[in-house]
Structure formats: C-alpha cells, structure tokens
Amino acid sequence: MLTLYGTAGCHLCEEAQDLLEALSLPAHHVDVAGDEDLLERYGVRIPVIRRTDGAELGWPFTAADLLSFAPPRV
C-alpha cells in the first residue's frame, strides 16, 4: 500500500492522485495540513508518495516512475 502526502487545494497533489488512479494503484491519503509534524516534514515537498518500507518518491514523478516505485502487485 502506498501513502500520498498532500493537502486540499494542491493542484500537484491532484495530479499525483490522478496518476495513481489511472494506474490503479491504491493509496492512503494523508493531509499534511492537519498535523504540525507532517506539515514541517512535507509542507514544501508535496505531493510525496511513501511505501510501507519508508522509501519516498517526491514530485515531480511520472506514471513510469510510479510503476517502478510501487510495490509489486499480488
């Protein structure tokens, strides 16, 4: 499972979400604006995709980047 860190009203975050949906990659969404620590960590870097192993992929990324980054599908 992937986690998409972003916030409401972020057009880049919407683009990242659109890519995830187009590739049928499920992702848990976390709004960084609701958490001071996350806002400090990701606020200027969003959108960021994170794998369960802790690896992160920051914007800009392409569909090919996401497919390479995503865990293998079962």
PDB file of N, CA and C in Angstrom:
ATOM      1  N   MET A   1       0.855  -1.178   0.000  1.00  0.00           N
ATOM      2  CA  MET A   1       0.000   0.000   0.000  1.00  0.00           C
ATOM      3  C   MET A   1       0.899   1.239   0.000  1.00  0.00           C
ATOM      4  N   LEU A   2       0.463   2.228  -0.726  1.00  0.00           N
ATOM      5  CA  LEU A   2       1.175   3.499  -0.802  1.00  0.00           C
ATOM      6  C   LEU A   2       0.435   4.546   0.016  1.00  0.00           C
ATOM      7  N   THR A   3       1.173   5.554   0.442  1.00  0.00           N
ATOM      8  CA  THR A   3       0.576   6.700   1.126  1.00  0.00           C
ATOM      9  C   THR A   3       0.909   7.941   0.312  1.00  0.00           C
ATOM     10  N   LEU A   4      -0.121   8.737   0.049  1.00  0.00           N
ATOM     11  CA  LEU A   4       0.058  10.001  -0.656  1.00  0.00           C
ATOM     12  C   LEU A   4      -0.059  11.126   0.361  1.00  0.00           C
ATOM     13  N   TYR A   5       1.033  11.836   0.574  1.00  0.00           N
ATOM     14  CA  TYR A   5       1.031  13.003   1.451  1.00  0.00           C
ATOM     15  C   TYR A   5       0.763  14.235   0.592  1.00  0.00           C
ATOM     16  N   GLY A   6      -0.215  15.012   0.989  1.00  0.00           N
ATOM     17  CA  GLY A   6      -0.583  16.207   0.251  1.00  0.00           C
ATOM     18  C   GLY A   6      -1.502  17.060   1.098  1.00  0.00           C
ATOM     19  N   THR A   7      -2.269  17.920   0.437  1.00  0.00           N
ATOM     20  CA  THR A   7      -3.240  18.746   1.129  1.00  0.00           C
ATOM     21  C   THR A   7      -4.316  19.191   0.148  1.00  0.00           C
ATOM     22  N   ALA A   8      -5.445  19.584   0.684  1.00  0.00           N
ATOM     23  CA  ALA A   8      -6.553  20.044  -0.144  1.00  0.00           C
ATOM     24  C   ALA A   8      -6.159  21.321  -0.881  1.00  0.00           C
ATOM     25  N   GLY A   9      -6.599  21.444  -2.120  1.00  0.00           N
ATOM     26  CA  GLY A   9      -6.319  22.648  -2.894  1.00  0.00           C
ATOM     27  C   GLY A   9      -4.961  22.662  -3.566  1.00  0.00           C
ATOM     28  N   CYS A  10      -4.218  21.592  -3.457  1.00  0.00           N
ATOM     29  CA  CYS A  10      -2.890  21.488  -4.080  1.00  0.00           C
ATOM     30  C   CYS A  10      -3.056  20.847  -5.453  1.00  0.00           C
ATOM     31  N   HIS A  11      -2.850  21.625  -6.513  1.00  0.00           N
ATOM     32  CA  HIS A  11      -3.061  21.078  -7.857  1.00  0.00           C
ATOM     33  C   HIS A  11      -2.056  19.981  -8.202  1.00  0.00           C
ATOM     34  N   LEU A  12      -0.859  20.044  -7.662  1.00  0.00           N
ATOM     35  CA  LEU A  12       0.115  18.981  -7.893  1.00  0.00           C
ATOM     36  C   LEU A  12      -0.319  17.690  -7.207  1.00  0.00           C
ATOM     37  N   CYS A  13      -0.927  17.818  -6.037  1.00  0.00           N
ATOM     38  CA  CYS A  13      -1.442  16.651  -5.319  1.00  0.00           C
ATOM     39  C   CYS A  13      -2.582  16.012  -6.103  1.00  0.00           C
ATOM     40  N   GLU A  14      -3.417  16.840  -6.723  1.00  0.00           N
ATOM     41  CA  GLU A  14      -4.498  16.326  -7.559  1.00  0.00           C
ATOM     42  C   GLU A  14      -3.936  15.590  -8.770  1.00  0.00           C
ATOM     43  N   GLU A  15      -2.871  16.112  -9.357  1.00  0.00           N
ATOM     44  CA  GLU A  15      -2.222  15.430 -10.480  1.00  0.00           C
ATOM     45  C   GLU A  15      -1.653  14.080 -10.040  1.00  0.00           C
ATOM     46  N   ALA A  16      -1.038  14.051  -8.869  1.00  0.00           N
ATOM     47  CA  ALA A  16      -0.499  12.798  -8.344  1.00  0.00           C
ATOM     48  C   ALA A  16      -1.620  11.791  -8.115  1.00  0.00           C
ATOM     49  N   GLN A  17      -2.736  12.248  -7.553  1.00  0.00           N
ATOM     50  CA  GLN A  17      -3.887  11.374  -7.333  1.00  0.00           C
ATOM     51  C   GLN A  17      -4.415  10.838  -8.661  1.00  0.00           C
ATOM     52  N   ASP A  18      -4.500  11.686  -9.660  1.00  0.00           N
ATOM     53  CA  ASP A  18      -4.961  11.261 -10.984  1.00  0.00           C
ATOM     54  C   ASP A  18      -4.050  10.175 -11.566  1.00  0.00           C
ATOM     55  N   LEU A  19      -2.738  10.333 -11.397  1.00  0.00           N
ATOM     56  CA  LEU A  19      -1.800   9.315 -11.870  1.00  0.00           C
ATOM     57  C   LEU A  19      -2.010   7.993 -11.147  1.00  0.00           C
ATOM     58  N   LEU A  20      -2.156   8.056  -9.829  1.00  0.00           N
ATOM     59  CA  LEU A  20      -2.391   6.838  -9.053  1.00  0.00           C
ATOM     60  C   LEU A  20      -3.657   6.127  -9.525  1.00  0.00           C
ATOM     61  N   GLU A  21      -4.715   6.881  -9.732  1.00  0.00           N
ATOM     62  CA  GLU A  21      -5.977   6.298 -10.184  1.00  0.00           C
ATOM     63  C   GLU A  21      -5.849   5.715 -11.588  1.00  0.00           C
ATOM     64  N   ALA A  22      -5.180   6.427 -12.483  1.00  0.00           N
ATOM     65  CA  ALA A  22      -5.007   5.947 -13.858  1.00  0.00           C
ATOM     66  C   ALA A  22      -4.234   4.631 -13.899  1.00  0.00           C
ATOM     67  N   LEU A  23      -3.335   4.449 -12.939  1.00  0.00           N
ATOM     68  CA  LEU A  23      -2.520   3.234 -12.873  1.00  0.00           C
ATOM     69  C   LEU A  23      -3.138   2.171 -11.962  1.00  0.00           C
ATOM     70  N   SER A  24      -4.287   2.472 -11.394  1.00  0.00           N
ATOM     71  CA  SER A  24      -4.974   1.555 -10.457  1.00  0.00           C
ATOM     72  C   SER A  24      -4.089   1.188  -9.278  1.00  0.00           C
ATOM     73  N   LEU A  25      -3.366   2.185  -8.769  1.00  0.00           N
ATOM     74  CA  LEU A  25      -2.521   1.990  -7.594  1.00  0.00           C
ATOM     75  C   LEU A  25      -3.244   2.562  -6.378  1.00  0.00           C
ATOM     76  N   PRO A  26      -3.669   1.706  -5.469  1.00  0.00           N
ATOM     77  CA  PRO A  26      -4.352   2.215  -4.278  1.00  0.00           C
ATOM     78  C   PRO A  26      -3.390   2.967  -3.376  1.00  0.00           C
ATOM     79  N   ALA A  27      -3.887   4.036  -2.779  1.00  0.00           N
ATOM     80  CA  ALA A  27      -3.052   4.830  -1.875  1.00  0.00           C
ATOM     81  C   ALA A  27      -3.912   5.393  -0.752  1.00  0.00           C
ATOM     82  N   HIS A  28      -3.356   5.378   0.424  1.00  0.00           N
ATOM     83  CA  HIS A  28      -3.962   6.023   1.586  1.00  0.00           C
ATOM     84  C   HIS A  28      -3.568   7.499   1.513  1.00  0.00           C
ATOM     85  N   HIS A  29      -4.528   8.391   1.729  1.00  0.00           N
ATOM     86  CA  HIS A  29      -4.258   9.823   1.633  1.00  0.00           C
ATOM     87  C   HIS A  29      -4.097  10.431   3.016  1.00  0.00           C
ATOM     88  N   VAL A  30      -3.050  11.230   3.172  1.00  0.00           N
ATOM     89  CA  VAL A  30      -2.796  11.922   4.431  1.00  0.00           C
ATOM     90  C   VAL A  30      -2.665  13.408   4.125  1.00  0.00           C
ATOM     91  N   ASP A  31      -3.505  14.212   4.775  1.00  0.00           N
ATOM     92  CA  ASP A  31      -3.451  15.665   4.612  1.00  0.00           C
ATOM     93  C   ASP A  31      -2.441  16.217   5.617  1.00  0.00           C
ATOM     94  N   VAL A  32      -1.355  16.751   5.117  1.00  0.00           N
ATOM     95  CA  VAL A  32      -0.287  17.232   5.990  1.00  0.00           C
ATOM     96  C   VAL A  32      -0.697  18.474   6.772  1.00  0.00           C
ATOM     97  N   ALA A  33      -1.718  19.194   6.290  1.00  0.00           N
ATOM     98  CA  ALA A  33      -2.148  20.417   6.973  1.00  0.00           C
ATOM     99  C   ALA A  33      -2.738  20.134   8.343  1.00  0.00           C
ATOM    100  N   GLY A  34      -3.175  18.899   8.579  1.00  0.00           N
ATOM    101  CA  GLY A  34      -3.787  18.549   9.853  1.00  0.00           C
ATOM    102  C   GLY A  34      -2.800  18.095  10.915  1.00  0.00           C
ATOM    103  N   ASP A  35      -1.527  18.104  10.609  1.00  0.00           N
ATOM    104  CA  ASP A  35      -0.526  17.591  11.549  1.00  0.00           C
ATOM    105  C   ASP A  35       0.733  18.454  11.451  1.00  0.00           C
ATOM    106  N   GLU A  36       1.093  19.104  12.541  1.00  0.00           N
ATOM    107  CA  GLU A  36       2.236  20.021  12.542  1.00  0.00           C
ATOM    108  C   GLU A  36       3.537  19.342  12.132  1.00  0.00           C
ATOM    109  N   ASP A  37       3.766  18.109  12.615  1.00  0.00           N
ATOM    110  CA  ASP A  37       4.997  17.398  12.273  1.00  0.00           C
ATOM    111  C   ASP A  37       5.049  17.054  10.784  1.00  0.00           C
ATOM    112  N   LEU A  38       3.913  16.577  10.244  1.00  0.00           N
ATOM    113  CA  LEU A  38       3.869  16.252   8.825  1.00  0.00           C
ATOM    114  C   LEU A  38       3.992  17.508   7.972  1.00  0.00           C
ATOM    115  N   LEU A  39       3.379  18.586   8.408  1.00  0.00           N
ATOM    116  CA  LEU A  39       3.475  19.842   7.672  1.00  0.00           C
ATOM    117  C   LEU A  39       4.926  20.310   7.603  1.00  0.00           C
ATOM    118  N   GLU A  40       5.648  20.177   8.698  1.00  0.00           N
ATOM    119  CA  GLU A  40       7.057  20.561   8.710  1.00  0.00           C
ATOM    120  C   GLU A  40       7.878  19.647   7.807  1.00  0.00           C
ATOM    121  N   ARG A  41       7.564  18.355   7.819  1.00  0.00           N
ATOM    122  CA  ARG A  41       8.337  17.382   7.049  1.00  0.00           C
ATOM    123  C   ARG A  41       8.051  17.450   5.554  1.00  0.00           C
ATOM    124  N   TYR A  42       6.770  17.611   5.200  1.00  0.00           N
ATOM    125  CA  TYR A  42       6.368  17.506   3.801  1.00  0.00           C
ATOM    126  C   TYR A  42       5.837  18.796   3.186  1.00  0.00           C
ATOM    127  N   GLY A  43       5.608  19.812   3.968  1.00  0.00           N
ATOM    128  CA  GLY A  43       4.918  21.011   3.509  1.00  0.00           C
ATOM    129  C   GLY A  43       5.421  21.614   2.213  1.00  0.00           C
ATOM    130  N   VAL A  44       6.723  21.674   2.016  1.00  0.00           N
ATOM    131  CA  VAL A  44       7.264  22.270   0.795  1.00  0.00           C
ATOM    132  C   VAL A  44       7.602  21.215  -0.256  1.00  0.00           C
ATOM    133  N   ARG A  45       7.354  19.937   0.064  1.00  0.00           N
ATOM    134  CA  ARG A  45       7.723  18.852  -0.852  1.00  0.00           C
ATOM    135  C   ARG A  45       6.524  18.159  -1.488  1.00  0.00           C
ATOM    136  N   ILE A  46       5.316  18.456  -1.047  1.00  0.00           N
ATOM    137  CA  ILE A  46       4.156  17.702  -1.512  1.00  0.00           C
ATOM    138  C   ILE A  46       3.906  17.922  -2.996  1.00  0.00           C
ATOM    139  N   PRO A  47       3.385  16.910  -3.633  1.00  0.00           N
ATOM    140  CA  PRO A  47       2.982  15.605  -3.130  1.00  0.00           C
ATOM    141  C   PRO A  47       4.171  14.658  -2.995  1.00  0.00           C
ATOM    142  N   VAL A  48       4.067  13.781  -2.019  1.00  0.00           N
ATOM    143  CA  VAL A  48       5.075  12.753  -1.776  1.00  0.00           C
ATOM    144  C   VAL A  48       4.354  11.418  -1.645  1.00  0.00           C
ATOM    145  N   ILE A  49       4.882  10.404  -2.320  1.00  0.00           N
ATOM    146  CA  ILE A  49       4.370   9.041  -2.206  1.00  0.00           C
ATOM    147  C   ILE A  49       5.350   8.270  -1.328  1.00  0.00           C
ATOM    148  N   ARG A  50       4.796   7.530  -0.371  1.00  0.00           N
ATOM    149  CA  ARG A  50       5.641   6.752   0.553  1.00  0.00           C
ATOM    150  C   ARG A  50       5.208   5.292   0.528  1.00  0.00           C
ATOM    151  N   ARG A  51       6.196   4.397   0.461  1.00  0.00           N
ATOM    152  CA  ARG A  51       5.931   2.960   0.564  1.00  0.00           C
ATOM    153  C   ARG A  51       5.968   2.538   2.019  1.00  0.00           C
ATOM    154  N   THR A  52       5.471   1.344   2.300  1.00  0.00           N
ATOM    155  CA  THR A  52       5.463   0.839   3.673  1.00  0.00           C
ATOM    156  C   THR A  52       6.876   0.593   4.206  1.00  0.00           C
ATOM    157  N   ASP A  53       7.862   0.439   3.309  1.00  0.00           N
ATOM    158  CA  ASP A  53       9.240   0.251   3.776  1.00  0.00           C
ATOM    159  C   ASP A  53       9.938   1.577   4.082  1.00  0.00           C
ATOM    160  N   GLY A  54       9.210   2.699   3.909  1.00  0.00           N
ATOM    161  CA  GLY A  54       9.756   4.013   4.241  1.00  0.00           C
ATOM    162  C   GLY A  54      10.354   4.775   3.070  1.00  0.00           C
ATOM    163  N   ALA A  55      10.516   4.124   1.932  1.00  0.00           N
ATOM    164  CA  ALA A  55      11.051   4.815   0.752  1.00  0.00           C
ATOM    165  C   ALA A  55      10.035   5.844   0.274  1.00  0.00           C
ATOM    166  N   GLU A  56      10.537   6.979  -0.214  1.00  0.00           N
ATOM    167  CA  GLU A  56       9.679   8.066  -0.652  1.00  0.00           C
ATOM    168  C   GLU A  56      10.011   8.495  -2.074  1.00  0.00           C
ATOM    169  N   LEU A  57       8.955   8.887  -2.777  1.00  0.00           N
ATOM    170  CA  LEU A  57       9.080   9.417  -4.129  1.00  0.00           C
ATOM    171  C   LEU A  57       8.444  10.790  -4.127  1.00  0.00           C
ATOM    172  N   GLY A  58       9.265  11.820  -4.356  1.00  0.00           N
ATOM    173  CA  GLY A  58       8.768  13.190  -4.334  1.00  0.00           C
ATOM    174  C   GLY A  58       8.465  13.707  -5.722  1.00  0.00           C
ATOM    175  N   TRP A  59       7.586  14.673  -5.765  1.00  0.00           N
ATOM    176  CA  TRP A  59       7.216  15.318  -7.021  1.00  0.00           C
ATOM    177  C   TRP A  59       8.411  16.067  -7.589  1.00  0.00           C
ATOM    178  N   PRO A  60       8.648  16.093  -8.867  1.00  0.00           N
ATOM    179  CA  PRO A  60       7.785  15.571  -9.913  1.00  0.00           C
ATOM    180  C   PRO A  60       8.072  14.100 -10.193  1.00  0.00           C
ATOM    181  N   PHE A  61       7.010  13.349 -10.499  1.00  0.00           N
ATOM    182  CA  PHE A  61       7.166  11.964 -10.927  1.00  0.00           C
ATOM    183  C   PHE A  61       6.169  11.678 -12.045  1.00  0.00           C
ATOM    184  N   THR A  62       6.521  10.675 -12.836  1.00  0.00           N
ATOM    185  CA  THR A  62       5.705  10.288 -13.978  1.00  0.00           C
ATOM    186  C   THR A  62       5.002   8.976 -13.684  1.00  0.00           C
ATOM    187  N   ALA A  63       4.149   8.563 -14.594  1.00  0.00           N
ATOM    188  CA  ALA A  63       3.489   7.264 -14.461  1.00  0.00           C
ATOM    189  C   ALA A  63       4.535   6.151 -14.423  1.00  0.00           C
ATOM    190  N   ALA A  64       5.547   6.255 -15.265  1.00  0.00           N
ATOM    191  CA  ALA A  64       6.613   5.243 -15.278  1.00  0.00           C
ATOM    192  C   ALA A  64       7.354   5.215 -13.941  1.00  0.00           C
ATOM    193  N   ASP A  65       7.611   6.392 -13.375  1.00  0.00           N
ATOM    194  CA  ASP A  65       8.265   6.457 -12.065  1.00  0.00           C
ATOM    195  C   ASP A  65       7.427   5.745 -11.015  1.00  0.00           C
ATOM    196  N   LEU A  66       6.106   6.001 -11.033  1.00  0.00           N
ATOM    197  CA  LEU A  66       5.212   5.374 -10.059  1.00  0.00           C
ATOM    198  C   LEU A  66       5.184   3.864 -10.214  1.00  0.00           C
ATOM    199  N   LEU A  67       5.124   3.389 -11.444  1.00  0.00           N
ATOM    200  CA  LEU A  67       5.108   1.939 -11.665  1.00  0.00           C
ATOM    201  C   LEU A  67       6.391   1.285 -11.177  1.00  0.00           C
ATOM    202  N   SER A  68       7.514   1.940 -11.371  1.00  0.00           N
ATOM    203  CA  SER A  68       8.797   1.411 -10.886  1.00  0.00           C
ATOM    204  C   SER A  68       8.889   1.454  -9.371  1.00  0.00           C
ATOM    205  N   PHE A  69       8.276   2.467  -8.773  1.00  0.00           N
ATOM    206  CA  PHE A  69       8.364   2.682  -7.333  1.00  0.00           C
ATOM    207  C   PHE A  69       7.387   1.820  -6.537  1.00  0.00           C
ATOM    208  N   ALA A  70       6.221   1.587  -7.093  1.00  0.00           N
ATOM    209  CA  ALA A  70       5.156   0.878  -6.380  1.00  0.00           C
ATOM    210  C   ALA A  70       5.584  -0.553  -6.065  1.00  0.00           C
ATOM    211  N   PRO A  71       5.109  -1.072  -4.935  1.00  0.00           N
ATOM    212  CA  PRO A  71       5.397  -2.464  -4.615  1.00  0.00           C
ATOM    213  C   PRO A  71       4.752  -3.384  -5.659  1.00  0.00           C
ATOM    214  N   PRO A  72       5.308  -4.550  -5.848  1.00  0.00           N
ATOM    215  CA  PRO A  72       4.719  -5.482  -6.830  1.00  0.00           C
ATOM    216  C   PRO A  72       3.272  -5.800  -6.484  1.00  0.00           C
ATOM    217  N   ARG A  73       2.457  -5.908  -7.505  1.00  0.00           N
ATOM    218  CA  ARG A  73       1.047  -6.252  -7.299  1.00  0.00           C
ATOM    219  C   ARG A  73       0.921  -7.760  -7.112  1.00  0.00           C
ATOM    220  N   VAL A  74       0.036  -8.130  -6.214  1.00  0.00           N
ATOM    221  CA  VAL A  74      -0.162  -9.566  -5.931  1.00  0.00           C
ATOM    222  C   VAL A  74      -1.383 -10.050  -6.665  1.00  0.00           C
TER     223      VAL A  74
END
